[in-house]
C-alpha cells in the first residue's frame, strides 16, 4: 500500500507541474493567503478540505471548499482514486480547480466502475534551495463508476 501511495504521489506531482486546467467553479481566489468558497474569506487555524458534491461519479466534476492559514500563499489540491490497490486516476491543481473525475484519459475511464478517492490539500515551500511538499489536510470519498 505504501508503494502504491508513493507511486500515486509521484504521478500527482508530475501531473501538477504540467496538468491542463479544467473549467474552474465560481470561487474566490487567494486573499492575503486565505482561501475560501462563496466569496467570504475564512481564517483557519486548522487547515481543512471539504468535498462540495454529495454524489461524485466517474466523468463528473468535483470541487472543494478549502481553508488555510494566512501563511499559505498558494494552496493546491491533489486527487487520487484507486480500485483496490490499483491507482486509476490522479490529478493536482490549484485550490479552486474543478477536477473531472477520470480526466481526459485514465485507467479509470478504461475500466469503469466505482473508485475510492483521496484529496490532499498541500503547498510547495522551500528549505534553502530545496523544494518541499507540505501536507495540510485530507478528505476521502467514494465515487461511482
N, C-alpha and C. Protein backbone atom coordinates (compact mmCIF):
# COMPACT_ATOMS: atom_id res chain seq x y z
N UNK A 1 0.82 -1.19 0.00
CA UNK A 1 0.00 0.00 0.00
C UNK A 1 0.87 1.26 0.00
N UNK A 2 1.97 1.23 0.76
CA UNK A 2 2.85 2.38 0.81
C UNK A 2 3.44 2.64 -0.57
N UNK A 3 3.85 1.56 -1.29
CA UNK A 3 4.39 1.73 -2.64
C UNK A 3 3.35 2.35 -3.56
N UNK A 4 2.10 1.87 -3.48
CA UNK A 4 1.03 2.41 -4.31
C UNK A 4 0.83 3.88 -4.01
N UNK A 5 0.83 4.24 -2.72
CA UNK A 5 0.63 5.62 -2.32
C UNK A 5 1.79 6.49 -2.82
N UNK A 6 3.02 6.01 -2.68
CA UNK A 6 4.17 6.77 -3.16
C UNK A 6 4.15 6.90 -4.67
N UNK A 7 3.80 5.83 -5.37
CA UNK A 7 3.70 5.90 -6.83
C UNK A 7 2.62 6.89 -7.23
N UNK A 8 1.49 6.86 -6.53
CA UNK A 8 0.41 7.80 -6.82
C UNK A 8 0.84 9.23 -6.59
N UNK A 9 1.56 9.47 -5.50
CA UNK A 9 2.03 10.82 -5.21
C UNK A 9 2.99 11.28 -6.29
N UNK A 10 3.87 10.38 -6.75
CA UNK A 10 4.81 10.75 -7.81
C UNK A 10 4.06 11.14 -9.08
N UNK A 11 3.01 10.40 -9.40
CA UNK A 11 2.20 10.72 -10.59
C UNK A 11 1.54 12.08 -10.42
N UNK A 12 0.97 12.32 -9.24
CA UNK A 12 0.29 13.59 -8.98
C UNK A 12 1.27 14.74 -9.05
N UNK A 13 2.47 14.57 -8.48
CA UNK A 13 3.46 15.63 -8.51
C UNK A 13 3.85 15.94 -9.95
N UNK A 14 4.07 14.89 -10.77
CA UNK A 14 4.40 15.12 -12.17
C UNK A 14 3.26 15.81 -12.89
N UNK A 15 2.03 15.40 -12.60
CA UNK A 15 0.88 15.99 -13.28
C UNK A 15 0.64 17.41 -12.83
N UNK A 16 0.96 17.73 -11.56
CA UNK A 16 0.72 19.09 -11.08
C UNK A 16 1.64 20.08 -11.77
N UNK A 17 2.78 19.62 -12.18
CA UNK A 17 3.72 20.52 -12.85
C UNK A 17 3.24 20.90 -14.23
N UNK A 18 2.51 19.99 -14.91
CA UNK A 18 2.12 20.30 -16.28
C UNK A 18 0.69 19.94 -16.60
N UNK A 19 -0.16 19.86 -15.61
CA UNK A 19 -1.53 19.43 -15.89
C UNK A 19 -2.33 20.53 -16.58
N UNK A 20 -3.27 20.11 -17.42
CA UNK A 20 -4.18 21.05 -18.05
C UNK A 20 -5.17 21.57 -17.02
N UNK A 21 -5.70 22.73 -17.27
CA UNK A 21 -6.62 23.33 -16.32
C UNK A 21 -8.05 23.07 -16.78
N UNK A 22 -8.83 22.45 -15.91
CA UNK A 22 -10.24 22.24 -16.19
C UNK A 22 -10.98 23.53 -15.87
N UNK A 23 -12.22 23.63 -16.33
CA UNK A 23 -13.01 24.82 -16.04
C UNK A 23 -13.19 24.94 -14.53
N UNK A 24 -12.90 26.10 -14.00
CA UNK A 24 -12.98 26.31 -12.56
C UNK A 24 -14.40 26.69 -12.16
N UNK A 25 -14.75 26.30 -10.94
CA UNK A 25 -16.07 26.64 -10.41
C UNK A 25 -16.07 28.10 -9.98
N UNK A 26 -17.23 28.66 -9.66
CA UNK A 26 -17.32 30.03 -9.15
C UNK A 26 -16.75 30.06 -7.75
N UNK A 27 -15.55 30.59 -7.61
CA UNK A 27 -14.89 30.64 -6.33
C UNK A 27 -14.04 31.87 -6.24
N UNK A 28 -13.68 32.25 -5.04
CA UNK A 28 -12.78 33.38 -4.87
C UNK A 28 -11.35 32.90 -4.96
N UNK A 29 -10.44 33.81 -5.15
CA UNK A 29 -9.03 33.47 -5.21
C UNK A 29 -8.39 33.55 -3.84
N UNK A 30 -7.09 33.61 -3.82
CA UNK A 30 -6.36 33.71 -2.58
C UNK A 30 -6.39 35.16 -2.13
N UNK A 31 -6.79 35.41 -0.92
CA UNK A 31 -6.87 36.75 -0.36
C UNK A 31 -5.90 36.83 0.81
N UNK A 32 -4.75 37.43 0.58
CA UNK A 32 -3.71 37.54 1.61
C UNK A 32 -3.40 36.17 2.21
N UNK A 33 -3.41 35.14 1.38
CA UNK A 33 -3.08 33.81 1.85
C UNK A 33 -4.26 33.02 2.36
N UNK A 34 -5.44 33.62 2.46
CA UNK A 34 -6.62 32.90 2.92
C UNK A 34 -7.32 32.30 1.72
N UNK A 35 -7.94 31.16 1.91
CA UNK A 35 -8.73 30.59 0.84
C UNK A 35 -10.16 30.44 1.31
N UNK A 36 -11.06 30.42 0.37
CA UNK A 36 -12.46 30.32 0.75
C UNK A 36 -13.29 29.90 -0.43
N UNK A 37 -14.55 29.73 -0.22
CA UNK A 37 -15.53 29.41 -1.25
C UNK A 37 -16.71 30.34 -1.05
N UNK A 38 -17.33 30.76 -2.11
CA UNK A 38 -18.53 31.57 -1.98
C UNK A 38 -18.27 33.04 -1.69
N UNK A 39 -17.05 33.50 -1.80
CA UNK A 39 -16.78 34.93 -1.67
C UNK A 39 -16.48 35.43 -0.28
N UNK A 40 -16.50 34.57 0.74
CA UNK A 40 -16.22 35.02 2.09
C UNK A 40 -14.92 34.41 2.57
N UNK A 41 -13.86 35.23 2.71
CA UNK A 41 -12.59 34.68 3.18
C UNK A 41 -12.73 34.05 4.56
N UNK A 42 -12.02 32.97 4.78
CA UNK A 42 -12.06 32.27 6.06
C UNK A 42 -10.65 32.21 6.62
N UNK A 43 -10.49 32.57 7.88
CA UNK A 43 -9.22 32.39 8.55
C UNK A 43 -9.29 31.04 9.24
N UNK A 44 -8.29 30.22 9.03
CA UNK A 44 -8.32 28.89 9.60
C UNK A 44 -7.04 28.61 10.36
N UNK A 45 -7.17 28.32 11.64
CA UNK A 45 -6.01 27.88 12.40
C UNK A 45 -5.70 26.44 12.00
N UNK A 46 -6.73 25.68 11.72
CA UNK A 46 -6.57 24.30 11.27
C UNK A 46 -7.01 24.22 9.82
N UNK A 47 -6.11 23.85 8.91
CA UNK A 47 -6.49 23.74 7.50
C UNK A 47 -7.58 22.68 7.32
N UNK A 48 -8.44 22.88 6.33
CA UNK A 48 -9.47 21.89 6.06
C UNK A 48 -9.74 21.81 4.57
N UNK A 49 -10.28 20.67 4.16
CA UNK A 49 -10.59 20.37 2.77
C UNK A 49 -11.89 19.58 2.77
N UNK A 50 -12.93 20.13 2.13
CA UNK A 50 -14.25 19.50 2.13
C UNK A 50 -14.76 19.37 0.71
N UNK A 51 -15.21 18.18 0.34
CA UNK A 51 -15.79 17.93 -0.97
C UNK A 51 -17.11 18.68 -1.08
N UNK A 52 -17.32 19.39 -2.18
CA UNK A 52 -18.55 20.17 -2.36
C UNK A 52 -19.72 19.33 -2.87
N UNK A 53 -19.45 18.23 -3.55
CA UNK A 53 -20.51 17.42 -4.15
C UNK A 53 -20.93 16.29 -3.19
N UNK A 54 -22.18 15.85 -3.34
CA UNK A 54 -22.69 14.78 -2.47
C UNK A 54 -22.70 13.41 -3.13
N UNK A 55 -22.62 13.35 -4.46
CA UNK A 55 -22.69 12.07 -5.16
C UNK A 55 -21.76 12.06 -6.36
N UNK A 56 -20.43 12.07 -6.12
CA UNK A 56 -19.49 12.12 -7.24
C UNK A 56 -19.45 10.81 -8.03
N UNK A 57 -19.24 10.92 -9.33
CA UNK A 57 -19.16 9.76 -10.22
C UNK A 57 -18.08 10.00 -11.26
N UNK A 58 -17.57 8.92 -11.83
CA UNK A 58 -16.65 8.98 -12.94
C UNK A 58 -17.26 9.86 -14.03
N UNK A 59 -16.48 10.82 -14.54
CA UNK A 59 -16.95 11.71 -15.60
C UNK A 59 -17.63 12.98 -15.11
N UNK A 60 -17.82 13.12 -13.79
CA UNK A 60 -18.40 14.35 -13.26
C UNK A 60 -17.29 15.21 -12.65
N UNK A 61 -17.58 16.46 -12.44
CA UNK A 61 -16.61 17.40 -11.89
C UNK A 61 -16.81 17.54 -10.39
N UNK A 62 -15.70 17.57 -9.66
CA UNK A 62 -15.76 17.82 -8.22
C UNK A 62 -14.92 19.03 -7.88
N UNK A 63 -15.36 19.75 -6.86
CA UNK A 63 -14.65 20.91 -6.34
C UNK A 63 -14.58 20.77 -4.82
N UNK A 64 -13.79 21.62 -4.20
CA UNK A 64 -13.57 21.52 -2.76
C UNK A 64 -13.64 22.89 -2.12
N UNK A 65 -14.12 22.91 -0.89
CA UNK A 65 -14.03 24.10 -0.06
C UNK A 65 -12.75 23.95 0.75
N UNK A 66 -11.91 24.97 0.71
CA UNK A 66 -10.59 24.92 1.30
C UNK A 66 -10.43 26.06 2.29
N UNK A 67 -9.85 25.78 3.44
CA UNK A 67 -9.42 26.83 4.36
C UNK A 67 -7.97 26.56 4.72
N UNK A 68 -7.21 27.64 4.85
CA UNK A 68 -5.79 27.51 5.15
C UNK A 68 -5.31 28.75 5.89
N UNK A 69 -4.24 28.63 6.66
CA UNK A 69 -3.68 29.79 7.36
C UNK A 69 -3.19 30.87 6.39
N UNK A 70 -3.10 32.08 6.88
CA UNK A 70 -2.63 33.20 6.06
C UNK A 70 -1.25 32.95 5.47
N UNK A 71 -0.43 32.20 6.16
CA UNK A 71 0.95 31.98 5.70
C UNK A 71 1.03 31.12 4.44
N UNK A 72 -0.05 30.43 4.08
CA UNK A 72 -0.06 29.59 2.88
C UNK A 72 -0.50 30.45 1.71
N UNK A 73 0.43 30.75 0.81
CA UNK A 73 0.15 31.67 -0.29
C UNK A 73 -0.42 30.99 -1.53
N UNK A 74 -0.13 29.73 -1.76
CA UNK A 74 -0.58 29.07 -2.98
C UNK A 74 -0.99 27.63 -2.69
N UNK A 75 -2.12 27.44 -1.97
CA UNK A 75 -2.54 26.07 -1.68
C UNK A 75 -2.94 25.32 -2.94
N UNK A 76 -2.70 24.02 -2.94
CA UNK A 76 -3.03 23.16 -4.07
C UNK A 76 -3.80 21.95 -3.54
N UNK A 77 -4.49 21.29 -4.44
CA UNK A 77 -5.24 20.07 -4.10
C UNK A 77 -4.82 18.98 -5.06
N UNK A 78 -4.60 17.78 -4.54
CA UNK A 78 -4.37 16.62 -5.40
C UNK A 78 -5.47 15.60 -5.12
N UNK A 79 -5.94 14.96 -6.18
CA UNK A 79 -6.97 13.93 -6.06
C UNK A 79 -6.42 12.65 -6.68
N UNK A 80 -6.45 11.57 -5.93
CA UNK A 80 -6.09 10.25 -6.45
C UNK A 80 -7.24 9.30 -6.18
N UNK A 81 -7.50 8.42 -7.13
CA UNK A 81 -8.58 7.44 -6.98
C UNK A 81 -8.03 6.06 -7.30
N UNK A 82 -8.45 5.08 -6.50
CA UNK A 82 -7.97 3.71 -6.65
C UNK A 82 -9.14 2.74 -6.67
N UNK A 83 -8.89 1.63 -7.34
CA UNK A 83 -9.80 0.48 -7.29
C UNK A 83 -8.97 -0.63 -6.66
N UNK A 84 -9.27 -0.92 -5.40
CA UNK A 84 -8.43 -1.84 -4.65
C UNK A 84 -7.06 -1.22 -4.47
N UNK A 85 -6.00 -1.93 -4.90
CA UNK A 85 -4.64 -1.40 -4.76
C UNK A 85 -4.14 -0.74 -6.05
N UNK A 86 -5.00 -0.61 -7.05
CA UNK A 86 -4.60 -0.05 -8.34
C UNK A 86 -5.00 1.42 -8.45
N UNK A 87 -4.00 2.27 -8.64
CA UNK A 87 -4.25 3.69 -8.86
C UNK A 87 -4.83 3.84 -10.26
N UNK A 88 -6.05 4.41 -10.35
CA UNK A 88 -6.71 4.52 -11.66
C UNK A 88 -6.83 5.97 -12.14
N UNK A 89 -6.59 6.95 -11.26
CA UNK A 89 -6.71 8.36 -11.65
C UNK A 89 -5.95 9.22 -10.65
N UNK A 90 -5.29 10.25 -11.15
CA UNK A 90 -4.62 11.22 -10.30
C UNK A 90 -4.52 12.55 -11.01
N UNK A 91 -4.73 13.61 -10.26
CA UNK A 91 -4.64 14.96 -10.83
C UNK A 91 -4.39 15.93 -9.69
N UNK A 92 -3.67 17.00 -9.97
CA UNK A 92 -3.44 18.05 -8.99
C UNK A 92 -3.72 19.40 -9.65
N UNK A 93 -4.13 20.35 -8.84
CA UNK A 93 -4.41 21.68 -9.37
C UNK A 93 -4.47 22.70 -8.25
N UNK A 94 -4.78 23.91 -8.62
CA UNK A 94 -4.92 24.97 -7.63
C UNK A 94 -6.12 24.67 -6.74
N UNK A 95 -6.21 25.37 -5.62
CA UNK A 95 -7.28 25.10 -4.66
C UNK A 95 -8.67 25.28 -5.25
N UNK A 96 -8.81 26.09 -6.30
CA UNK A 96 -10.13 26.35 -6.89
C UNK A 96 -10.34 25.59 -8.20
N UNK A 97 -9.47 24.62 -8.47
CA UNK A 97 -9.55 23.80 -9.68
C UNK A 97 -10.79 22.90 -9.62
N UNK A 98 -11.43 22.70 -10.76
CA UNK A 98 -12.54 21.75 -10.86
C UNK A 98 -11.97 20.47 -11.47
N UNK A 99 -12.05 19.38 -10.73
CA UNK A 99 -11.45 18.11 -11.14
C UNK A 99 -12.48 17.26 -11.87
N UNK A 100 -12.17 16.88 -13.10
CA UNK A 100 -13.02 15.98 -13.87
C UNK A 100 -12.60 14.57 -13.51
N UNK A 101 -13.42 13.86 -12.75
CA UNK A 101 -13.05 12.53 -12.29
C UNK A 101 -12.83 11.59 -13.47
N UNK A 102 -11.65 11.03 -13.54
CA UNK A 102 -11.26 10.19 -14.66
C UNK A 102 -10.45 10.96 -15.68
N UNK A 103 -10.54 12.29 -15.65
CA UNK A 103 -9.79 13.12 -16.58
C UNK A 103 -10.15 12.85 -18.03
N UNK A 104 -9.27 13.24 -18.93
CA UNK A 104 -9.49 13.02 -20.36
C UNK A 104 -9.03 11.63 -20.78
N UNK A 105 -8.10 11.07 -20.01
CA UNK A 105 -7.58 9.74 -20.31
C UNK A 105 -7.02 9.16 -19.02
N UNK A 106 -7.53 8.02 -18.61
CA UNK A 106 -7.04 7.36 -17.40
C UNK A 106 -7.43 5.89 -17.42
N UNK A 107 -6.79 5.14 -16.56
CA UNK A 107 -7.14 3.73 -16.41
C UNK A 107 -8.59 3.61 -15.93
N UNK A 108 -9.03 4.56 -15.12
CA UNK A 108 -10.41 4.54 -14.62
C UNK A 108 -11.41 4.63 -15.77
N UNK A 109 -11.13 5.49 -16.74
CA UNK A 109 -12.02 5.60 -17.90
C UNK A 109 -12.07 4.28 -18.67
N UNK A 110 -10.94 3.58 -18.75
CA UNK A 110 -10.90 2.30 -19.45
C UNK A 110 -11.66 1.21 -18.70
N UNK A 111 -11.47 1.17 -17.37
CA UNK A 111 -12.05 0.10 -16.56
C UNK A 111 -13.50 0.36 -16.15
N UNK A 112 -13.83 1.64 -15.93
CA UNK A 112 -15.15 1.98 -15.39
C UNK A 112 -15.24 1.52 -13.95
N UNK A 113 -16.43 1.54 -13.40
CA UNK A 113 -16.66 1.07 -12.04
C UNK A 113 -16.36 2.12 -10.98
N UNK A 114 -16.74 1.82 -9.74
CA UNK A 114 -16.52 2.76 -8.64
C UNK A 114 -15.04 2.81 -8.23
N UNK A 115 -14.68 3.88 -7.52
CA UNK A 115 -13.32 4.03 -7.02
C UNK A 115 -13.36 4.76 -5.68
N UNK A 116 -12.36 4.50 -4.87
CA UNK A 116 -12.18 5.21 -3.61
C UNK A 116 -11.15 6.29 -3.84
N UNK A 117 -11.50 7.53 -3.45
CA UNK A 117 -10.66 8.68 -3.77
C UNK A 117 -10.17 9.37 -2.50
N UNK A 118 -9.01 9.98 -2.63
CA UNK A 118 -8.42 10.77 -1.56
C UNK A 118 -8.02 12.12 -2.15
N UNK A 119 -8.38 13.18 -1.45
CA UNK A 119 -7.96 14.53 -1.85
C UNK A 119 -7.06 15.07 -0.74
N UNK A 120 -5.95 15.64 -1.14
CA UNK A 120 -5.00 16.22 -0.19
C UNK A 120 -4.82 17.70 -0.48
N UNK A 121 -4.81 18.49 0.57
CA UNK A 121 -4.52 19.92 0.50
C UNK A 121 -3.04 20.07 0.86
N UNK A 122 -2.28 20.77 0.01
CA UNK A 122 -0.85 20.92 0.25
C UNK A 122 -0.35 22.21 -0.36
N UNK A 123 0.89 22.51 -0.11
CA UNK A 123 1.55 23.60 -0.81
C UNK A 123 3.02 23.26 -0.96
N UNK A 124 3.68 23.96 -1.89
CA UNK A 124 5.11 23.81 -2.10
C UNK A 124 5.82 24.90 -1.33
N UNK A 125 6.91 24.55 -0.68
CA UNK A 125 7.72 25.53 0.04
C UNK A 125 9.19 25.24 -0.26
N UNK A 126 10.05 26.06 0.26
CA UNK A 126 11.49 25.86 0.06
C UNK A 126 12.19 25.83 1.41
N UNK A 127 13.15 24.92 1.53
CA UNK A 127 14.08 24.89 2.64
C UNK A 127 15.44 25.07 1.97
N UNK A 128 15.99 26.26 2.12
CA UNK A 128 17.18 26.60 1.34
C UNK A 128 16.78 26.66 -0.11
N UNK A 129 17.44 25.89 -0.95
CA UNK A 129 17.08 25.83 -2.36
C UNK A 129 16.34 24.55 -2.71
N UNK A 130 15.98 23.77 -1.71
CA UNK A 130 15.28 22.51 -1.93
C UNK A 130 13.76 22.72 -1.81
N UNK A 131 13.03 22.38 -2.87
CA UNK A 131 11.57 22.48 -2.83
C UNK A 131 11.01 21.29 -2.05
N UNK A 132 10.05 21.57 -1.15
CA UNK A 132 9.45 20.51 -0.35
C UNK A 132 7.93 20.55 -0.46
N UNK A 133 7.33 19.39 -0.28
CA UNK A 133 5.87 19.20 -0.28
C UNK A 133 5.41 19.33 1.17
N UNK A 134 4.45 20.22 1.44
CA UNK A 134 3.94 20.40 2.79
C UNK A 134 2.46 20.04 2.78
N UNK A 135 2.12 18.95 3.44
CA UNK A 135 0.74 18.45 3.52
C UNK A 135 -0.01 19.23 4.58
N UNK A 136 -1.29 19.58 4.29
CA UNK A 136 -2.11 20.34 5.24
C UNK A 136 -3.34 19.59 5.73
N UNK A 137 -4.08 18.97 4.82
CA UNK A 137 -5.34 18.32 5.20
C UNK A 137 -5.71 17.28 4.16
N UNK A 138 -6.65 16.41 4.52
CA UNK A 138 -7.08 15.34 3.62
C UNK A 138 -8.56 15.05 3.82
N UNK A 139 -9.20 14.61 2.73
CA UNK A 139 -10.56 14.10 2.82
C UNK A 139 -10.64 12.91 1.87
N UNK A 140 -11.52 11.97 2.19
CA UNK A 140 -11.71 10.80 1.34
C UNK A 140 -13.16 10.74 0.91
N UNK A 141 -13.41 10.13 -0.26
CA UNK A 141 -14.76 9.96 -0.74
C UNK A 141 -14.81 8.80 -1.71
N UNK A 142 -15.98 8.25 -1.88
CA UNK A 142 -16.20 7.19 -2.86
C UNK A 142 -16.89 7.80 -4.07
N UNK A 143 -16.50 7.33 -5.24
CA UNK A 143 -17.10 7.84 -6.48
C UNK A 143 -17.63 6.66 -7.29
N UNK A 144 -18.85 6.80 -7.77
CA UNK A 144 -19.45 5.76 -8.58
C UNK A 144 -18.83 5.69 -9.96
N UNK A 145 -19.03 4.55 -10.62
CA UNK A 145 -18.44 4.36 -11.95
C UNK A 145 -19.35 4.78 -13.06
